[in-house]
Structure formats: C-alpha cells, structure tokens
Amino acid sequence: MGPEKQQKSRWAPWWVYLVVILGCNYVKQYLVQDLPVAVNAAITVVLVGSLFLAITVVYRGMRGAERG
C-alpha cells in the first residue's frame, strides 16, 4: 500500500465527524442552555475533542478489522 493510500485511510470521512459532532452539540446545547457562556464553551471544546478522538479510534479499529 502506498503512502498516499495509507494516509487517507487514517481518518474517517469528513461527514462522519460533522454529523456526530453537530448532533452531540445540539443535545449538549439543550442540556446546558442555562449555564454561563464560558462554561458552555469549555464543555463544547472538551466534547468536540473527545468526539473527534473517539470517532478516529473507532474508525481505525474498524478499518484494522477489515484488513486483518
């Protein structure tokens, strides 16, 4: 497998990140709408970072299972 193909398979498609992050952010906004803006922003940063990491780990795990 060439380096280009290997790099491309490291990340989930962009739309997976978009759908999951927007959906979770919508739910988060409903749950914490009464908190101050700074707290809401901090929760958003942690949430997005965690979701990005989780999506990437799950995708790479699924891709590894397909190859192996």
Protein backbone atom coordinates (compact mmCIF):
# COMPACT_ATOMS: atom_id res chain seq x y z
CA MET A 1 0.00 0.00 0.00
CA GLY A 2 1.43 3.39 -0.99
CA PRO A 3 1.92 6.21 1.50
CA GLU A 4 -0.93 8.22 -0.06
CA LYS A 5 -3.45 5.42 0.40
CA GLN A 6 -2.20 4.70 3.91
CA GLN A 7 -2.57 8.37 4.96
CA LYS A 8 -6.08 8.56 3.52
CA SER A 9 -7.31 5.54 5.47
CA ARG A 10 -6.26 7.00 8.83
CA TRP A 11 -9.26 9.33 9.10
CA ALA A 12 -12.98 8.77 8.90
CA PRO A 13 -14.83 10.61 6.14
CA TRP A 14 -15.41 14.29 6.97
CA TRP A 15 -19.18 13.88 7.07
CA VAL A 16 -18.95 11.36 9.93
CA TYR A 17 -17.21 13.94 12.12
CA LEU A 18 -19.70 16.62 11.04
CA VAL A 19 -22.85 14.60 11.74
CA VAL A 20 -21.71 13.22 15.10
CA ILE A 21 -20.28 16.49 16.41
CA LEU A 22 -23.26 18.59 15.31
CA GLY A 23 -25.74 16.08 16.71
CA CYS A 24 -23.99 15.84 20.07
CA ASN A 25 -23.56 19.60 20.24
CA TYR A 26 -27.29 20.06 19.63
CA VAL A 27 -28.10 17.72 22.53
CA LYS A 28 -25.46 19.40 24.73
CA GLN A 29 -26.90 22.82 23.99
CA TYR A 30 -30.35 21.65 25.06
CA LEU A 31 -28.99 20.22 28.32
CA VAL A 32 -26.73 23.12 29.37
CA GLN A 33 -28.60 26.11 27.98
CA ASP A 34 -28.79 27.81 31.39
CA LEU A 35 -25.04 27.67 32.14
CA PRO A 36 -22.79 30.70 31.63
CA VAL A 37 -21.22 31.15 28.19
CA ALA A 38 -17.68 30.39 29.43
CA VAL A 39 -18.76 27.07 30.94
CA ASN A 40 -20.74 26.20 27.82
CA ALA A 41 -17.70 26.97 25.64
CA ALA A 42 -15.41 24.84 27.83
CA ILE A 43 -17.85 21.93 27.65
CA THR A 44 -18.01 22.34 23.87
CA VAL A 45 -14.22 22.24 23.49
CA VAL A 46 -13.94 19.09 25.61
CA LEU A 47 -16.90 17.47 23.85
CA VAL A 48 -15.60 18.14 20.34
CA GLY A 49 -12.09 16.96 21.20
CA SER A 50 -13.40 13.78 22.80
CA LEU A 51 -15.74 13.03 19.92
CA PHE A 52 -13.01 13.63 17.35
CA LEU A 53 -10.72 11.22 19.18
CA ALA A 54 -13.47 8.61 19.67
CA ILE A 55 -14.56 8.71 16.02
CA THR A 56 -10.97 8.34 14.86
CA VAL A 57 -10.26 5.41 17.21
CA VAL A 58 -13.46 3.59 16.22
CA TYR A 59 -12.84 4.16 12.51
CA ARG A 60 -9.25 2.95 12.69
CA GLY A 61 -10.37 -0.08 14.69
CA MET A 62 -12.99 -0.92 12.09
CA ARG A 63 -10.51 -0.44 9.24
CA GLY A 64 -7.99 -2.68 11.01
CA ALA A 65 -10.60 -5.42 11.35
CA GLU A 66 -11.36 -5.23 7.62
CA ARG A 67 -7.70 -5.62 6.68
CA GLY A 68 -6.84 -8.32 9.19
